Amino acid sequence: MTEKADLPSVDITAVLDRAAAGGRITPEEALVLYRDAPLHALGAAADAVRRRKYAGTEHIATYIIERNINYTNVCVTACKFCAFYAAPKDTAKGWTRDLDDILRRCAETVELGGTQIMFQGGHHPDFGVEYYEKHFRAIKDAFPQLVIHSLGASEVEHMARISGVSVEEAITRIHEAGLDSFAGAGAELLPARPRKAIAPLKESGERWLEIMEAAHGLGVESTSTMLMGTGETNAERIEHLRMIRDVQDRTGGFRAFIPYTYQPENNHLKGRTQATIFEYLRMIAIARLFLDNVQHIQGSWLTTGKDVGQLTLHYGADDLGSIMLEENVVSSAGAKHRSNRMEIIELIRRAGRVPAQRATTYEHLVVHDDPANDPVDERVMSHISSTAIEGGTAHPELKILASN
């Protein structure tokens, strides 16, 4: 696909009308819409698709309560955009949590009303399939109510290589040990040029998709993501969407699409700038229009701010993601936006929608249809605003996110 003037002539109004009515658009049409469609018309078409897709519950927007547990920061892939990792030989910076610490964090998650954990870390040179089997079994044995929505295709490729097994065997074993679904981790940018520029040691975008397709075939669903703003072109952004849509046509295993913006601090991508707010909103909208086979589109307030997160609900998003009881990876690169449950509920309500806490698979657990009954989560608020719980001598650099 090209961004040059030789793109076919497109009647923007006609394509928007077709997409809003449920028609499929081509990658070339998507590129023209992403570049040139009036912002409000693009958002209106995306919102029309959302309303039709959720007819009967279109007044609801969802969130989830989860905790990102980072088990290690030791990593061999050295992605240029990452400010979290430590090289294996960097013993001063590198660390690994022990199982007791991980289980303690799971216990706190349950106590604070969390339903999901994301178990994420680096590609540790010593961690094969056996490491994940042991930890997932321990978590599920102690906390069967927690959903383990974790890892991604890159970690599977790495653990399979370390253990000398196929990715299919690796997926089967960790799924049997307790993994419920894969996150979209490691997707970054799937097209070859931008991927090699920011993550040259990772598997190709095609291989990432092959592993996700294998997981879907083995009964393990996932989400899909996009990292915006590292120097990719508009055409490469649309190509990323096309690659996801093609796999989704075959498997139906991507539960959601979640774009987020590059954070430029403390990493090795020099001279790169973040995607603008308008680029981000346009991506939310075009994702809703183009990914007609992906059910959920999530707005990321963590990297763009709560006001922009709220706006995404008018550009096709149906979900605002998680109230993170802990997050360290994106924050290490400069993401400073924080929130708690009451703020997210109010944010959704001010957007003219009814907030609902959801499960990993998007079932509504609690619908906050009456403001008089809104929860007063004093424990969650004090936990998010506290740094003491992350103290101690082992990892003093990790702090619980402070709420605004």
Protein backbone atom coordinates (compact mmCIF):
# COMPACT_ATOMS: atom_id res chain seq x y z
CA MET A 1 0.00 0.00 0.00
CA THR A 2 1.19 3.53 -0.70
CA GLU A 3 0.55 6.98 0.75
CA LYS A 4 1.35 8.75 -2.51
CA ALA A 5 -1.04 10.62 -4.73
CA ASP A 6 -1.58 7.53 -6.90
CA LEU A 7 -4.06 6.10 -4.40
CA PRO A 8 -7.42 5.48 -6.08
CA SER A 9 -9.93 8.31 -5.95
CA VAL A 10 -12.26 7.77 -3.02
CA ASP A 11 -15.63 9.36 -2.34
CA ILE A 12 -15.09 9.90 1.39
CA THR A 13 -18.75 10.52 2.19
CA ALA A 14 -19.86 7.39 0.34
CA VAL A 15 -17.23 5.22 2.02
CA LEU A 16 -18.10 6.58 5.47
CA ASP A 17 -21.78 5.89 4.82
CA ARG A 18 -21.01 2.34 3.68
CA ALA A 19 -18.80 1.66 6.69
CA ALA A 20 -21.34 3.17 9.10
CA ALA A 21 -23.98 0.84 7.65
CA GLY A 22 -21.77 -2.20 8.26
CA GLY A 23 -20.03 -2.54 4.90
CA ARG A 24 -16.40 -3.66 4.71
CA ILE A 25 -13.84 -1.12 3.56
CA THR A 26 -10.56 -1.84 1.80
CA PRO A 27 -7.11 -0.95 3.16
CA GLU A 28 -6.80 1.73 0.49
CA GLU A 29 -10.13 3.26 1.51
CA ALA A 30 -9.13 3.05 5.17
CA LEU A 31 -5.92 4.96 4.44
CA VAL A 32 -7.79 7.74 2.67
CA LEU A 33 -10.31 7.98 5.51
CA TYR A 34 -7.55 7.97 8.12
CA ARG A 35 -5.65 10.76 6.36
CA ASP A 36 -8.38 12.90 4.88
CA ALA A 37 -11.87 12.33 6.31
CA PRO A 38 -13.18 15.21 8.44
CA LEU A 39 -12.53 14.27 12.06
CA HIS A 40 -16.10 14.65 13.28
CA ALA A 41 -17.53 12.75 10.31
CA LEU A 42 -15.04 9.94 10.91
CA GLY A 43 -15.99 9.80 14.58
CA ALA A 44 -19.72 9.88 13.78
CA ALA A 45 -19.39 6.93 11.41
CA ALA A 46 -17.38 4.94 13.97
CA ASP A 47 -19.91 5.72 16.69
CA ALA A 48 -22.73 4.58 14.40
CA VAL A 49 -20.97 1.23 13.99
CA ARG A 50 -20.54 0.93 17.76
CA ARG A 51 -24.19 1.73 18.42
CA ARG A 52 -25.36 -0.84 15.90
CA LYS A 53 -22.95 -3.50 17.19
CA TYR A 54 -24.15 -3.02 20.77
CA ALA A 55 -27.82 -2.36 20.06
CA GLY A 56 -29.60 -2.62 23.39
CA THR A 57 -26.47 -1.93 25.47
CA GLU A 58 -25.03 0.93 23.39
CA HIS A 59 -25.47 3.24 26.40
CA ILE A 60 -22.83 1.27 28.37
CA ALA A 61 -19.04 1.68 28.44
CA THR A 62 -16.89 -0.76 30.37
CA TYR A 63 -13.77 -0.97 32.51
CA ILE A 64 -11.93 -3.74 34.36
CA ILE A 65 -9.98 -3.91 37.62
CA GLU A 66 -6.64 -5.67 37.19
CA ARG A 67 -3.04 -5.74 38.28
CA ASN A 68 0.03 -5.91 36.06
CA ILE A 69 2.52 -8.11 37.87
CA ASN A 70 5.99 -7.77 36.41
CA TYR A 71 7.90 -10.92 37.28
CA THR A 72 11.26 -9.77 35.92
CA ASN A 73 12.80 -6.91 34.00
CA VAL A 74 15.67 -9.02 32.64
CA CYS A 75 15.29 -9.22 28.87
CA VAL A 76 17.36 -10.26 25.87
CA THR A 77 15.37 -8.44 23.17
CA ALA A 78 16.46 -4.88 24.05
CA CYS A 79 13.59 -3.13 22.24
CA LYS A 80 14.57 0.46 21.55
CA PHE A 81 11.30 1.95 22.82
CA CYS A 82 11.44 0.13 26.17
CA ALA A 83 12.59 1.90 29.34
CA PHE A 84 11.81 -1.04 31.62
CA TYR A 85 14.23 -3.81 30.67
CA ALA A 86 17.66 -4.67 32.03
CA ALA A 87 20.24 -6.62 30.05
CA PRO A 88 20.99 -10.08 31.50
CA LYS A 89 24.49 -9.00 32.56
CA ASP A 90 23.23 -5.85 34.28
CA THR A 91 22.98 -7.33 37.76
CA ALA A 92 22.70 -3.89 39.36
CA LYS A 93 19.49 -3.05 37.47
CA GLY A 94 18.02 -6.48 36.80
CA TRP A 95 15.68 -8.24 39.22
CA THR A 96 13.22 -11.14 39.41
CA ARG A 97 10.34 -11.48 41.85
CA ASP A 98 10.04 -14.65 43.86
CA LEU A 99 6.85 -16.68 43.86
CA ASP A 100 5.82 -15.60 47.35
CA ASP A 101 5.95 -11.95 46.29
CA ILE A 102 3.86 -12.71 43.20
CA LEU A 103 1.25 -14.58 45.24
CA ARG A 104 1.11 -11.72 47.74
CA ARG A 105 0.29 -9.33 44.89
CA CYS A 106 -2.40 -11.70 43.65
CA ALA A 107 -3.92 -11.79 47.16
CA GLU A 108 -4.01 -7.99 47.27
CA THR A 109 -5.65 -7.92 43.84
CA VAL A 110 -8.46 -10.17 45.05
CA GLU A 111 -8.88 -8.15 48.26
CA LEU A 112 -9.19 -4.96 46.22
CA GLY A 113 -11.85 -6.34 43.89
CA GLY A 114 -9.58 -7.16 40.95
CA THR A 115 -10.60 -9.95 38.62
CA GLN A 116 -7.61 -10.19 36.28
CA ILE A 117 -3.83 -10.22 36.41
CA MET A 118 -1.42 -9.51 33.60
CA PHE A 119 1.76 -11.47 34.23
CA GLN A 120 4.35 -9.64 32.17
CA GLY A 121 8.10 -9.18 32.16
CA GLY A 122 11.19 -9.54 30.05
CA HIS A 123 12.44 -12.37 27.86
CA HIS A 124 14.63 -13.83 30.59
CA PRO A 125 17.37 -16.08 29.16
CA ASP A 126 16.64 -18.80 31.75
CA PHE A 127 12.83 -18.86 31.74
CA GLY A 128 11.38 -21.64 29.62
CA VAL A 129 7.93 -23.20 29.60
CA GLU A 130 8.57 -24.83 32.98
CA TYR A 131 8.88 -21.46 34.74
CA TYR A 132 5.47 -20.31 33.52
CA GLU A 133 3.82 -23.66 34.24
CA LYS A 134 5.02 -23.50 37.83
CA HIS A 135 3.87 -19.93 38.41
CA PHE A 136 0.51 -20.21 36.66
CA ARG A 137 -0.34 -23.40 38.59
CA ALA A 138 0.58 -21.74 41.87
CA ILE A 139 -1.58 -18.69 41.10
CA LYS A 140 -4.57 -20.78 40.01
CA ASP A 141 -4.26 -23.11 43.00
CA ALA A 142 -4.29 -20.18 45.41
CA PHE A 143 -6.67 -17.86 43.52
CA PRO A 144 -8.88 -19.79 41.09
CA GLN A 145 -11.13 -16.74 40.72
CA LEU A 146 -8.37 -14.68 39.08
CA VAL A 147 -8.20 -14.65 35.29
CA ILE A 148 -4.64 -14.90 33.98
CA HIS A 149 -4.67 -12.70 30.88
CA SER A 150 -0.97 -12.49 30.24
CA LEU A 151 2.10 -12.75 28.05
CA GLY A 152 1.94 -12.68 24.27
CA ALA A 153 3.33 -14.27 21.14
CA SER A 154 6.86 -12.97 21.77
CA GLU A 155 7.08 -14.62 25.16
CA VAL A 156 5.76 -17.87 23.71
CA GLU A 157 8.40 -17.84 20.97
CA HIS A 158 11.07 -17.20 23.59
CA MET A 159 9.97 -19.82 26.13
CA ALA A 160 9.54 -22.47 23.42
CA ARG A 161 13.09 -21.81 22.20
CA ILE A 162 14.52 -22.01 25.72
CA SER A 163 12.72 -25.32 26.42
CA GLY A 164 13.32 -26.79 22.97
CA VAL A 165 9.64 -27.37 22.21
CA SER A 166 7.21 -26.18 19.55
CA VAL A 167 5.12 -23.08 20.16
CA GLU A 168 2.04 -25.29 20.01
CA GLU A 169 3.35 -27.42 22.86
CA ALA A 170 4.32 -24.31 24.83
CA ILE A 171 0.84 -22.82 24.42
CA THR A 172 -0.87 -26.08 25.36
CA ARG A 173 1.23 -26.53 28.48
CA ILE A 174 0.85 -23.03 29.89
CA HIS A 175 -2.86 -23.06 29.05
CA GLU A 176 -3.29 -26.31 30.98
CA ALA A 177 -1.30 -24.78 33.84
CA GLY A 178 -3.72 -21.86 34.16
CA LEU A 179 -3.21 -19.23 31.42
CA ASP A 180 -6.69 -18.11 30.36
CA SER A 181 -5.90 -15.79 27.45
CA PHE A 182 -3.03 -13.95 25.82
CA ALA A 183 -2.54 -10.21 25.91
CA GLY A 184 -1.56 -8.38 22.73
CA ALA A 185 1.95 -7.95 24.11
CA GLY A 186 4.79 -7.69 21.64
CA ALA A 187 2.73 -6.63 18.63
CA GLU A 188 4.17 -3.09 18.60
CA LEU A 189 4.13 -2.44 14.80
CA LEU A 190 3.64 -5.58 12.71
CA PRO A 191 4.88 -4.33 9.27
CA ALA A 192 8.54 -5.17 8.70
CA ARG A 193 10.17 -1.74 8.33
CA PRO A 194 8.93 -0.06 11.53
CA ARG A 195 9.21 -3.32 13.50
CA LYS A 196 12.87 -3.77 12.62
CA ALA A 197 13.52 -0.14 13.49
CA ILE A 198 12.19 -0.40 17.06
CA ALA A 199 12.46 -4.11 17.95
CA PRO A 200 15.10 -5.69 15.70
CA LEU A 201 15.62 -8.76 17.91
CA LYS A 202 11.95 -9.74 18.11
CA GLU A 203 10.20 -12.16 15.80
CA SER A 204 8.67 -10.73 12.63
CA GLY A 205 5.15 -9.37 12.58
CA GLU A 206 4.11 -12.32 10.42
CA ARG A 207 5.53 -14.74 13.01
CA TRP A 208 3.74 -12.88 15.83
CA LEU A 209 0.48 -13.41 13.99
CA GLU A 210 1.27 -17.06 13.24
CA ILE A 211 1.72 -17.71 16.97
CA MET A 212 -1.50 -15.91 17.83
CA GLU A 213 -3.30 -17.89 15.14
CA ALA A 214 -1.93 -21.11 16.63
CA ALA A 215 -3.15 -20.02 20.07
CA HIS A 216 -6.62 -19.29 18.72
CA GLY A 217 -6.67 -22.73 17.11
CA LEU A 218 -5.81 -24.27 20.48
CA GLY A 219 -8.69 -22.47 22.19
CA VAL A 220 -6.75 -19.56 23.70
CA GLU A 221 -8.18 -16.18 22.72
CA SER A 222 -6.23 -12.93 22.86
CA THR A 223 -6.31 -9.21 22.40
CA SER A 224 -4.40 -7.25 19.76
CA THR A 225 -2.53 -3.98 20.16
CA MET A 226 -0.68 -1.26 18.26
CA LEU A 227 2.12 1.01 19.43
CA MET A 228 1.70 4.38 17.67
CA GLY A 229 4.18 7.18 17.22
CA THR A 230 7.63 5.63 16.75
CA GLY A 231 8.11 6.87 13.20
CA GLU A 232 5.77 4.62 11.26
CA THR A 233 3.84 5.97 8.28
CA ASN A 234 0.07 6.21 8.03
CA ALA A 235 0.14 3.42 5.45
CA GLU A 236 2.06 1.19 7.87
CA ARG A 237 -0.55 1.84 10.55
CA ILE A 238 -3.29 0.70 8.19
CA GLU A 239 -1.19 -2.29 7.11
CA HIS A 240 -0.95 -3.28 10.79
CA LEU A 241 -4.75 -3.28 10.94
CA ARG A 242 -4.99 -5.28 7.71
CA MET A 243 -2.68 -7.98 9.07
CA ILE A 244 -4.82 -8.31 12.18
CA ARG A 245 -8.08 -8.35 10.22
CA ASP A 246 -6.84 -11.10 7.92
CA VAL A 247 -6.02 -13.39 10.84
CA GLN A 248 -9.28 -12.51 12.56
CA ASP A 249 -11.19 -13.54 9.43
CA ARG A 250 -9.69 -17.01 9.85
CA THR A 251 -9.81 -17.44 13.63
CA GLY A 252 -12.15 -14.97 15.34
CA GLY A 253 -9.77 -15.17 18.29
CA PHE A 254 -8.91 -11.50 18.81
CA ARG A 255 -11.27 -10.26 21.51
CA ALA A 256 -10.30 -6.59 21.28
CA PHE A 257 -8.00 -4.07 19.61
CA ILE A 258 -6.07 -1.62 21.79
CA PRO A 259 -3.93 1.12 20.25
CA TYR A 260 -1.66 3.11 22.55
CA THR A 261 0.94 5.81 22.05
CA TYR A 262 4.71 5.63 22.35
CA GLN A 263 6.13 7.24 25.48
CA PRO A 264 9.47 8.93 24.73
CA GLU A 265 11.33 9.00 28.05
CA ASN A 266 14.30 6.90 29.22
CA ASN A 267 14.74 4.79 26.09
CA HIS A 268 16.88 4.52 22.97
CA LEU A 269 14.54 5.92 20.32
CA LYS A 270 16.12 9.30 19.92
CA GLY A 271 14.31 12.10 18.15
CA ARG A 272 10.98 10.29 17.96
CA THR A 273 7.75 12.06 18.84
CA GLN A 274 4.51 10.69 20.12
CA ALA A 275 1.42 10.36 17.96
CA THR A 276 -0.80 13.41 18.36
CA ILE A 277 -4.16 13.32 20.09
CA PHE A 278 -5.87 13.73 16.72
CA GLU A 279 -3.89 10.87 15.19
CA TYR A 280 -4.90 8.71 18.13
CA LEU A 281 -8.60 9.56 17.91
CA ARG A 282 -8.52 8.94 14.17
CA MET A 283 -6.96 5.52 14.82
CA ILE A 284 -9.68 4.60 17.32
CA ALA A 285 -12.30 5.55 14.74
CA ILE A 286 -10.67 3.85 11.76
CA ALA A 287 -10.11 0.71 13.83
CA ARG A 288 -13.84 0.55 14.58
CA LEU A 289 -14.64 1.00 10.89
CA PHE A 290 -11.95 -1.26 9.43
CA LEU A 291 -11.84 -4.04 12.03
CA ASP A 292 -15.41 -5.06 11.41
CA ASN A 293 -14.64 -8.54 12.75
CA VAL A 294 -13.17 -7.44 16.11
CA GLN A 295 -15.81 -6.93 18.76
CA HIS A 296 -14.21 -4.46 21.17
CA ILE A 297 -12.13 -1.29 20.73
CA GLN A 298 -10.39 0.02 23.84
CA GLY A 299 -9.37 3.61 24.46
CA SER A 300 -6.09 4.05 26.33
CA TRP A 301 -6.25 6.83 28.90
CA LEU A 302 -2.95 5.62 30.40
CA THR A 303 -0.86 6.97 27.53
CA THR A 304 -3.07 9.78 26.23
CA GLY A 305 -4.76 11.15 29.36
CA LYS A 306 -8.22 10.82 30.83
CA ASP A 307 -9.77 13.57 28.71
CA VAL A 308 -8.65 11.86 25.51
CA GLY A 309 -9.75 8.51 26.90
CA GLN A 310 -13.19 10.00 27.44
CA LEU A 311 -13.26 11.31 23.87
CA THR A 312 -12.53 7.85 22.48
CA LEU A 313 -16.00 6.83 23.68
CA HIS A 314 -17.37 9.16 20.97
CA TYR A 315 -15.03 7.78 18.29
CA GLY A 316 -15.98 4.12 18.38
CA ALA A 317 -14.46 2.81 21.62
CA ASP A 318 -16.70 0.80 23.93
CA ASP A 319 -14.18 0.20 26.71
CA LEU A 320 -11.69 2.25 28.74
CA GLY A 321 -9.49 -0.61 29.84
CA SER A 322 -8.29 -1.14 33.35
CA ILE A 323 -8.03 0.54 36.68
CA MET A 324 -4.46 -0.61 37.18
CA LEU A 325 -3.56 -1.55 40.72
CA GLU A 326 0.03 -1.70 39.47
CA GLU A 327 1.79 -0.86 36.21
CA ASN A 328 5.50 -0.30 35.67
CA VAL A 329 6.41 -0.89 32.02
CA VAL A 330 4.72 1.98 30.17
CA SER A 331 5.19 4.22 33.21
CA SER A 332 8.95 3.72 32.98
CA ALA A 333 8.87 5.44 29.59
CA GLY A 334 6.94 8.44 30.84
CA ALA A 335 3.23 7.61 31.02
CA LYS A 336 2.09 9.75 33.93
CA HIS A 337 -1.70 9.49 33.75
CA ARG A 338 -3.32 7.80 36.75
CA SER A 339 -6.84 7.01 37.78
CA ASN A 340 -8.97 5.08 40.22
CA ARG A 341 -12.34 3.38 40.03
CA MET A 342 -14.46 6.37 41.02
CA GLU A 343 -12.67 8.63 38.54
CA ILE A 344 -13.19 6.16 35.69
CA ILE A 345 -16.86 5.75 36.58
CA GLU A 346 -17.33 9.52 36.58
CA LEU A 347 -15.31 9.87 33.37
CA ILE A 348 -17.60 7.41 31.59
CA ARG A 349 -20.71 9.00 33.03
CA ARG A 350 -19.65 12.51 31.89
CA ALA A 351 -19.27 11.08 28.38
CA GLY A 352 -22.99 10.32 28.47
CA ARG A 353 -22.57 6.58 28.99
CA VAL A 354 -23.42 4.20 31.81
CA PRO A 355 -20.30 2.67 33.41
CA ALA A 356 -20.03 -1.07 33.90
CA GLN A 357 -17.28 -3.19 35.44
CA ARG A 358 -16.52 -6.06 33.10
CA ALA A 359 -14.86 -9.44 33.12
CA THR A 360 -11.92 -10.34 30.87
CA THR A 361 -14.38 -11.69 28.31
CA TYR A 362 -16.46 -8.49 28.56
CA GLU A 363 -19.47 -9.78 30.46
CA HIS A 364 -20.90 -7.03 32.66
CA LEU A 365 -20.20 -7.75 36.33
CA VAL A 366 -21.62 -4.55 37.82
CA VAL A 367 -23.61 -1.91 35.93
CA HIS A 368 -23.46 1.49 37.66
CA ASP A 369 -26.82 2.71 36.42
CA ASP A 370 -27.62 4.74 39.54
CA PRO A 371 -25.05 7.34 40.71
CA ALA A 372 -26.50 7.12 44.21
CA ASN A 373 -25.17 3.55 44.40
CA ASP A 374 -21.67 4.27 43.09
CA PRO A 375 -18.98 2.40 45.04
CA VAL A 376 -16.82 4.19 47.56
CA ASP A 377 -13.61 2.26 47.06
CA GLU A 378 -11.53 3.67 49.88
CA ARG A 379 -9.28 0.61 49.92
CA VAL A 380 -8.63 0.79 46.18
CA MET A 381 -7.97 4.53 46.33
CA SER A 382 -5.57 4.26 49.24
CA HIS A 383 -3.77 1.35 47.57
CA ILE A 384 -3.29 3.16 44.28
CA SER A 385 -2.15 6.35 45.99
CA SER A 386 0.26 4.56 48.32
CA THR A 387 3.92 3.83 47.66
CA ALA A 388 4.62 2.02 50.89
CA ILE A 389 3.33 -1.33 49.66
CA GLU A 390 6.03 -1.42 46.97
CA GLY A 391 8.80 -0.51 49.37
CA GLY A 392 11.45 -2.73 50.87
CA THR A 393 14.99 -3.29 49.80
CA ALA A 394 14.40 -5.67 46.88
CA HIS A 395 12.88 -3.33 44.29
CA PRO A 396 12.66 0.23 45.65
CA GLU A 397 12.46 1.61 42.12
CA LEU A 398 8.98 0.12 41.65
CA LYS A 399 6.16 2.22 43.02
CA ILE A 400 2.40 1.76 43.02
CA LEU A 401 0.89 4.31 40.66
CA ALA A 402 -0.23 7.45 42.45
CA SER A 403 -3.68 8.71 41.53
CA ASN A 404 -4.17 12.31 40.44
